[in-house]
């Protein structure tokens, strides 16, 4: 493959790296595109070792290498800021957000453990009433009740929330119908 073609491929790879890192920063990719960065770095080293005849070819390679180094430094700085907690990352923000037990959440398969913990804390931990059950038993009971409700109503999803009923807090479960209409069913 001739040198100009290799330079064109390197330009395309650098453009894809920039796009993929922007996607990572926006939360569309779960991990940064480090593999792509290492491949580009290896390709630049290979091209540097080749005998380049033309000043224009050397200039293009030097320009691409400078762009790559600038991009790598920028990405490295942003990743360090994310790791130190200076800059929030959308994916990390989603995983850190504690579910609001009063707004509730929808369970399709099995319930998210942190969401179930928020229900448990609100019902038993924060309410001041005596604990009637430990968390493990609560989690198992909730899973059984969700399965019963799904079987009884034929729905695939259940909306769970804590409701304030006078002086007591209650756990409310409503089946989510396909058309988005929920039927009432509660358990205390």
C-alpha atoms as a PDB file:
ATOM      1  CA  UNK A   1       0.000   0.000   0.000  1.00  0.00           C
ATOM      2  CA  UNK A   2       1.430   3.374  -0.914  1.00  0.00           C
ATOM      3  CA  UNK A   3       2.240   6.036   1.654  1.00  0.00           C
ATOM      4  CA  UNK A   4      -0.498   8.488   0.576  1.00  0.00           C
ATOM      5  CA  UNK A   5      -3.160   5.798   0.999  1.00  0.00           C
ATOM      6  CA  UNK A   6      -1.828   4.951   4.476  1.00  0.00           C
ATOM      7  CA  UNK A   7      -1.968   8.655   5.425  1.00  0.00           C
ATOM      8  CA  UNK A   8      -5.581   8.866   4.207  1.00  0.00           C
ATOM      9  CA  UNK A   9      -6.506   5.803   6.310  1.00  0.00           C
ATOM     10  CA  UNK A  10      -4.767   7.373   9.310  1.00  0.00           C
ATOM     11  CA  UNK A  11      -6.804  10.577   8.843  1.00  0.00           C
ATOM     12  CA  UNK A  12     -10.028   8.540   8.794  1.00  0.00           C
ATOM     13  CA  UNK A  13      -9.008   6.621  11.919  1.00  0.00           C
ATOM     14  CA  UNK A  14      -8.198   9.884  13.706  1.00  0.00           C
ATOM     15  CA  UNK A  15     -11.593  11.329  12.742  1.00  0.00           C
ATOM     16  CA  UNK A  16     -13.355   8.183  14.043  1.00  0.00           C
ATOM     17  CA  UNK A  17     -11.367   8.393  17.300  1.00  0.00           C
ATOM     18  CA  UNK A  18     -12.464  11.996  17.831  1.00  0.00           C
ATOM     19  CA  UNK A  19     -16.109  11.051  17.159  1.00  0.00           C
ATOM     20  CA  UNK A  20     -16.015   7.983  19.427  1.00  0.00           C
ATOM     21  CA  UNK A  21     -14.456   9.928  22.274  1.00  0.00           C
ATOM     22  CA  UNK A  22     -17.140  12.603  21.909  1.00  0.00           C
ATOM     23  CA  UNK A  23     -19.726   9.817  22.027  1.00  0.00           C
ATOM     24  CA  UNK A  24     -18.084   8.473  25.208  1.00  0.00           C
ATOM     25  CA  UNK A  25     -18.195  11.911  26.817  1.00  0.00           C
ATOM     26  CA  UNK A  26     -21.890  12.189  25.898  1.00  0.00           C
ATOM     27  CA  UNK A  27     -22.616   8.808  27.498  1.00  0.00           C
ATOM     28  CA  UNK A  28     -23.339   6.906  24.271  1.00  0.00           C
ATOM     29  CA  UNK A  29     -20.320   4.615  24.761  1.00  0.00           C
ATOM     30  CA  UNK A  30     -19.674   2.774  28.011  1.00  0.00           C
ATOM     31  CA  UNK A  31     -15.872   2.814  27.799  1.00  0.00           C
ATOM     32  CA  UNK A  32     -13.427   5.264  26.222  1.00  0.00           C
ATOM     33  CA  UNK A  33     -12.021   4.264  22.799  1.00  0.00           C
ATOM     34  CA  UNK A  34      -8.548   3.423  24.126  1.00  0.00           C
ATOM     35  CA  UNK A  35      -8.055   0.497  21.717  1.00  0.00           C
ATOM     36  CA  UNK A  36      -8.515   2.815  18.756  1.00  0.00           C
ATOM     37  CA  UNK A  37      -6.036   5.270  20.267  1.00  0.00           C
ATOM     38  CA  UNK A  38      -3.405   2.536  20.699  1.00  0.00           C
ATOM     39  CA  UNK A  39      -3.920   1.336  17.106  1.00  0.00           C
ATOM     40  CA  UNK A  40      -3.446   4.859  15.757  1.00  0.00           C
ATOM     41  CA  UNK A  41      -0.335   5.333  17.894  1.00  0.00           C
ATOM     42  CA  UNK A  42       1.094   2.059  16.533  1.00  0.00           C
ATOM     43  CA  UNK A  43       0.268   3.079  12.949  1.00  0.00           C
ATOM     44  CA  UNK A  44       2.023   6.458  13.381  1.00  0.00           C
ATOM     45  CA  UNK A  45       5.154   4.664  14.659  1.00  0.00           C
ATOM     46  CA  UNK A  46       5.065   2.336  11.641  1.00  0.00           C
ATOM     47  CA  UNK A  47       4.721   5.260   9.235  1.00  0.00           C
ATOM     48  CA  UNK A  48       7.581   7.146  10.973  1.00  0.00           C
ATOM     49  CA  UNK A  49       9.873   4.174  10.336  1.00  0.00           C
ATOM     50  CA  UNK A  50       9.159   4.188   6.587  1.00  0.00           C
ATOM     51  CA  UNK A  51      11.393   6.083   4.208  1.00  0.00           C
ATOM     52  CA  UNK A  52       9.418   9.187   3.245  1.00  0.00           C
ATOM     53  CA  UNK A  53      10.676  10.860   0.068  1.00  0.00           C
ATOM     54  CA  UNK A  54       8.420  13.846  -0.295  1.00  0.00           C
ATOM     55  CA  UNK A  55       8.395  16.933   1.926  1.00  0.00           C
ATOM     56  CA  UNK A  56       4.577  17.083   1.524  1.00  0.00           C
ATOM     57  CA  UNK A  57       4.211  13.522   2.808  1.00  0.00           C
ATOM     58  CA  UNK A  58       6.455  14.250   5.812  1.00  0.00           C
ATOM     59  CA  UNK A  59       4.451  17.415   6.510  1.00  0.00           C
ATOM     60  CA  UNK A  60       1.104  15.550   6.346  1.00  0.00           C
ATOM     61  CA  UNK A  61       2.391  12.835   8.697  1.00  0.00           C
ATOM     62  CA  UNK A  62       3.785  15.444  11.098  1.00  0.00           C
ATOM     63  CA  UNK A  63       0.483  17.344  11.073  1.00  0.00           C
ATOM     64  CA  UNK A  64      -1.502  14.168  11.763  1.00  0.00           C
ATOM     65  CA  UNK A  65       0.891  13.180  14.524  1.00  0.00           C
ATOM     66  CA  UNK A  66       0.533  16.613  16.152  1.00  0.00           C
ATOM     67  CA  UNK A  67      -3.276  16.388  15.889  1.00  0.00           C
ATOM     68  CA  UNK A  68      -3.193  12.929  17.436  1.00  0.00           C
ATOM     69  CA  UNK A  69      -0.957  14.085  20.297  1.00  0.00           C
ATOM     70  CA  UNK A  70      -3.211  17.082  20.994  1.00  0.00           C
ATOM     71  CA  UNK A  71      -6.308  14.875  20.925  1.00  0.00           C
ATOM     72  CA  UNK A  72      -4.660  12.278  23.192  1.00  0.00           C
ATOM     73  CA  UNK A  73      -3.663  14.950  25.697  1.00  0.00           C
ATOM     74  CA  UNK A  74      -7.171  16.431  25.700  1.00  0.00           C
ATOM     75  CA  UNK A  75      -8.799  13.020  26.128  1.00  0.00           C
ATOM     76  CA  UNK A  76      -6.367  12.068  28.873  1.00  0.00           C
ATOM     77  CA  UNK A  77      -7.124  15.286  30.753  1.00  0.00           C
ATOM     78  CA  UNK A  78     -10.879  14.755  30.445  1.00  0.00           C
ATOM     79  CA  UNK A  79     -10.611  11.128  31.612  1.00  0.00           C
ATOM     80  CA  UNK A  80      -8.549  12.176  34.644  1.00  0.00           C
ATOM     81  CA  UNK A  81     -11.147  14.823  35.483  1.00  0.00           C
ATOM     82  CA  UNK A  82     -13.915  12.209  35.288  1.00  0.00           C
ATOM     83  CA  UNK A  83     -11.940   9.811  37.493  1.00  0.00           C
ATOM     84  CA  UNK A  84     -11.313  12.557  40.064  1.00  0.00           C
ATOM     85  CA  UNK A  85     -14.980  13.530  40.029  1.00  0.00           C
ATOM     86  CA  UNK A  86     -14.378  17.047  38.692  1.00  0.00           C
ATOM     87  CA  UNK A  87     -16.457  16.444  35.565  1.00  0.00           C
ATOM     88  CA  UNK A  88     -19.632  14.331  35.658  1.00  0.00           C
ATOM     89  CA  UNK A  89     -20.004  11.558  33.089  1.00  0.00           C
ATOM     90  CA  UNK A  90     -23.592  10.777  31.946  1.00  0.00           C
ATOM     91  CA  UNK A  91     -23.239   7.017  32.395  1.00  0.00           C
ATOM     92  CA  UNK A  92     -21.770   7.387  35.855  1.00  0.00           C
ATOM     93  CA  UNK A  93     -24.426   9.916  36.821  1.00  0.00           C
ATOM     94  CA  UNK A  94     -27.192   7.475  35.836  1.00  0.00           C
ATOM     95  CA  UNK A  95     -25.687   4.701  37.924  1.00  0.00           C
ATOM     96  CA  UNK A  96     -25.209   6.973  40.966  1.00  0.00           C
ATOM     97  CA  UNK A  97     -28.685   8.438  41.061  1.00  0.00           C
ATOM     98  CA  UNK A  98     -30.691   7.000  43.922  1.00  0.00           C
ATOM     99  CA  UNK A  99     -34.256   6.157  42.895  1.00  0.00           C
ATOM    100  CA  UNK A 100     -36.967   8.307  44.436  1.00  0.00           C
ATOM    101  CA  UNK A 101     -39.313   5.925  46.284  1.00  0.00           C
ATOM    102  CA  UNK A 102     -42.235   8.379  46.135  1.00  0.00           C
ATOM    103  CA  UNK A 103     -41.980   8.786  42.355  1.00  0.00           C
ATOM    104  CA  UNK A 104     -41.400   5.086  42.035  1.00  0.00           C
ATOM    105  CA  UNK A 105     -39.925   3.010  39.273  1.00  0.00           C
ATOM    106  CA  UNK A 106     -40.996   0.404  36.759  1.00  0.00           C
ATOM    107  CA  UNK A 107     -39.899  -3.215  37.109  1.00  0.00           C
ATOM    108  CA  UNK A 108     -39.846  -5.288  33.963  1.00  0.00           C
ATOM    109  CA  UNK A 109     -37.814  -8.365  34.843  1.00  0.00           C
ATOM    110  CA  UNK A 110     -36.256  -8.328  38.270  1.00  0.00           C
ATOM    111  CA  UNK A 111     -36.160  -5.199  40.389  1.00  0.00           C
ATOM    112  CA  UNK A 112     -32.986  -3.133  40.594  1.00  0.00           C
ATOM    113  CA  UNK A 113     -31.407  -3.741  44.012  1.00  0.00           C
ATOM    114  CA  UNK A 114     -30.711  -0.049  44.696  1.00  0.00           C
ATOM    115  CA  UNK A 115     -34.333   0.797  43.868  1.00  0.00           C
ATOM    116  CA  UNK A 116     -35.605  -1.910  46.235  1.00  0.00           C
ATOM    117  CA  UNK A 117     -33.221  -0.600  48.911  1.00  0.00           C
ATOM    118  CA  UNK A 118     -34.685   2.896  48.508  1.00  0.00           C
ATOM    119  CA  UNK A 119     -38.202   1.480  49.025  1.00  0.00           C
ATOM    120  CA  UNK A 120     -37.058  -0.468  52.075  1.00  0.00           C
ATOM    121  CA  UNK A 121     -35.269   2.527  53.596  1.00  0.00           C
ATOM    122  CA  UNK A 122     -38.307   4.730  53.139  1.00  0.00           C
ATOM    123  CA  UNK A 123     -40.764   2.171  54.500  1.00  0.00           C
ATOM    124  CA  UNK A 124     -38.713   0.834  57.396  1.00  0.00           C
ATOM    125  CA  UNK A 125     -35.558   2.879  57.843  1.00  0.00           C
ATOM    126  CA  UNK A 126     -36.700   6.478  57.639  1.00  0.00           C
ATOM    127  CA  UNK A 127     -40.248   6.124  58.936  1.00  0.00           C
ATOM    128  CA  UNK A 128     -39.414   5.615  62.605  1.00  0.00           C
ATOM    129  CA  UNK A 129     -41.616   2.530  62.871  1.00  0.00           C
ATOM    130  CA  UNK A 130     -40.261  -0.782  64.004  1.00  0.00           C
ATOM    131  CA  UNK A 131     -38.791  -3.006  61.356  1.00  0.00           C
ATOM    132  CA  UNK A 132     -41.144  -5.840  60.650  1.00  0.00           C
ATOM    133  CA  UNK A 133     -38.732  -7.583  58.310  1.00  0.00           C
ATOM    134  CA  UNK A 134     -35.088  -7.552  57.286  1.00  0.00           C
ATOM    135  CA  UNK A 135     -34.022  -6.385  53.841  1.00  0.00           C
ATOM    136  CA  UNK A 136     -33.445  -9.895  52.421  1.00  0.00           C
ATOM    137  CA  UNK A 137     -36.933 -11.022  53.398  1.00  0.00           C
ATOM    138  CA  UNK A 138     -38.401  -7.776  52.066  1.00  0.00           C
ATOM    139  CA  UNK A 139     -36.645  -8.260  48.736  1.00  0.00           C
ATOM    140  CA  UNK A 140     -37.859 -11.861  48.381  1.00  0.00           C
ATOM    141  CA  UNK A 141     -41.405 -10.918  49.384  1.00  0.00           C
ATOM    142  CA  UNK A 142     -41.419  -8.061  46.879  1.00  0.00           C
ATOM    143  CA  UNK A 143     -40.210 -10.363  44.076  1.00  0.00           C
ATOM    144  CA  UNK A 144     -43.005 -12.855  44.859  1.00  0.00           C
ATOM    145  CA  UNK A 145     -45.634 -10.095  44.932  1.00  0.00           C
ATOM    146  CA  UNK A 146     -44.419  -8.678  41.605  1.00  0.00           C
ATOM    147  CA  UNK A 147     -44.570 -12.148  40.025  1.00  0.00           C
ATOM    148  CA  UNK A 148     -48.111 -12.711  41.398  1.00  0.00           C
ATOM    149  CA  UNK A 149     -49.302  -9.344  40.111  1.00  0.00           C
ATOM    150  CA  UNK A 150     -47.806  -9.987  36.673  1.00  0.00           C
ATOM    151  CA  UNK A 151     -49.450 -13.406  36.498  1.00  0.00           C
ATOM    152  CA  UNK A 152     -52.810 -12.108  37.734  1.00  0.00           C
ATOM    153  CA  UNK A 153     -52.992  -9.137  35.354  1.00  0.00           C
ATOM    154  CA  UNK A 154     -50.967 -10.463  32.421  1.00  0.00           C
ATOM    155  CA  UNK A 155     -48.756  -7.383  32.379  1.00  0.00           C
ATOM    156  CA  UNK A 156     -45.024  -7.391  31.721  1.00  0.00           C
ATOM    157  CA  UNK A 157     -44.161  -4.394  33.907  1.00  0.00           C
ATOM    158  CA  UNK A 158     -45.086  -3.215  37.398  1.00  0.00           C
ATOM    159  CA  UNK A 159     -44.771   0.319  38.772  1.00  0.00           C
ATOM    160  CA  UNK A 160     -43.709   0.402  42.442  1.00  0.00           C
ATOM    161  CA  UNK A 161     -43.764   3.425  44.747  1.00  0.00           C
ATOM    162  CA  UNK A 162     -44.179   4.469  48.360  1.00  0.00           C
ATOM    163  CA  UNK A 163     -47.396   6.355  49.116  1.00  0.00           C
ATOM    164  CA  UNK A 164     -48.250   8.409  52.171  1.00  0.00           C
ATOM    165  CA  UNK A 165     -51.610   7.179  53.422  1.00  0.00           C
ATOM    166  CA  UNK A 166     -52.427   9.451  56.354  1.00  0.00           C
ATOM    167  CA  UNK A 167     -49.920   8.680  59.092  1.00  0.00           C
ATOM    168  CA  UNK A 168     -48.561   5.519  57.505  1.00  0.00           C
ATOM    169  CA  UNK A 169     -46.445   4.788  54.492  1.00  0.00           C
ATOM    170  CA  UNK A 170     -47.577   2.058  52.135  1.00  0.00           C
ATOM    171  CA  UNK A 171     -46.017   0.299  49.202  1.00  0.00           C
ATOM    172  CA  UNK A 172     -48.157   0.633  46.067  1.00  0.00           C
ATOM    173  CA  UNK A 173     -47.831  -1.651  43.074  1.00  0.00           C
ATOM    174  CA  UNK A 174     -49.641  -1.016  39.805  1.00  0.00           C
ATOM    175  CA  UNK A 175     -49.450  -3.150  36.695  1.00  0.00           C
ATOM    176  CA  UNK A 176     -48.324  -1.221  33.645  1.00  0.00           C
ATOM    177  CA  UNK A 177     -50.605  -2.097  30.754  1.00  0.00           C
ATOM    178  CA  UNK A 178     -49.345  -2.144  27.188  1.00  0.00           C
ATOM    179  CA  UNK A 179     -51.247   1.023  26.298  1.00  0.00           C
ATOM    180  CA  UNK A 180     -49.638   2.836  29.238  1.00  0.00           C
ATOM    181  CA  UNK A 181     -52.763   2.607  31.442  1.00  0.00           C
ATOM    182  CA  UNK A 182     -52.171   1.364  34.978  1.00  0.00           C
ATOM    183  CA  UNK A 183     -54.705  -0.564  37.025  1.00  0.00           C
ATOM    184  CA  UNK A 184     -54.725  -0.019  40.799  1.00  0.00           C
ATOM    185  CA  UNK A 185     -53.476  -2.701  43.122  1.00  0.00           C
ATOM    186  CA  UNK A 186     -51.865  -2.020  46.450  1.00  0.00           C
ATOM    187  CA  UNK A 187     -50.265  -3.894  49.265  1.00  0.00           C
ATOM    188  CA  UNK A 188     -49.377  -2.641  52.666  1.00  0.00           C
END
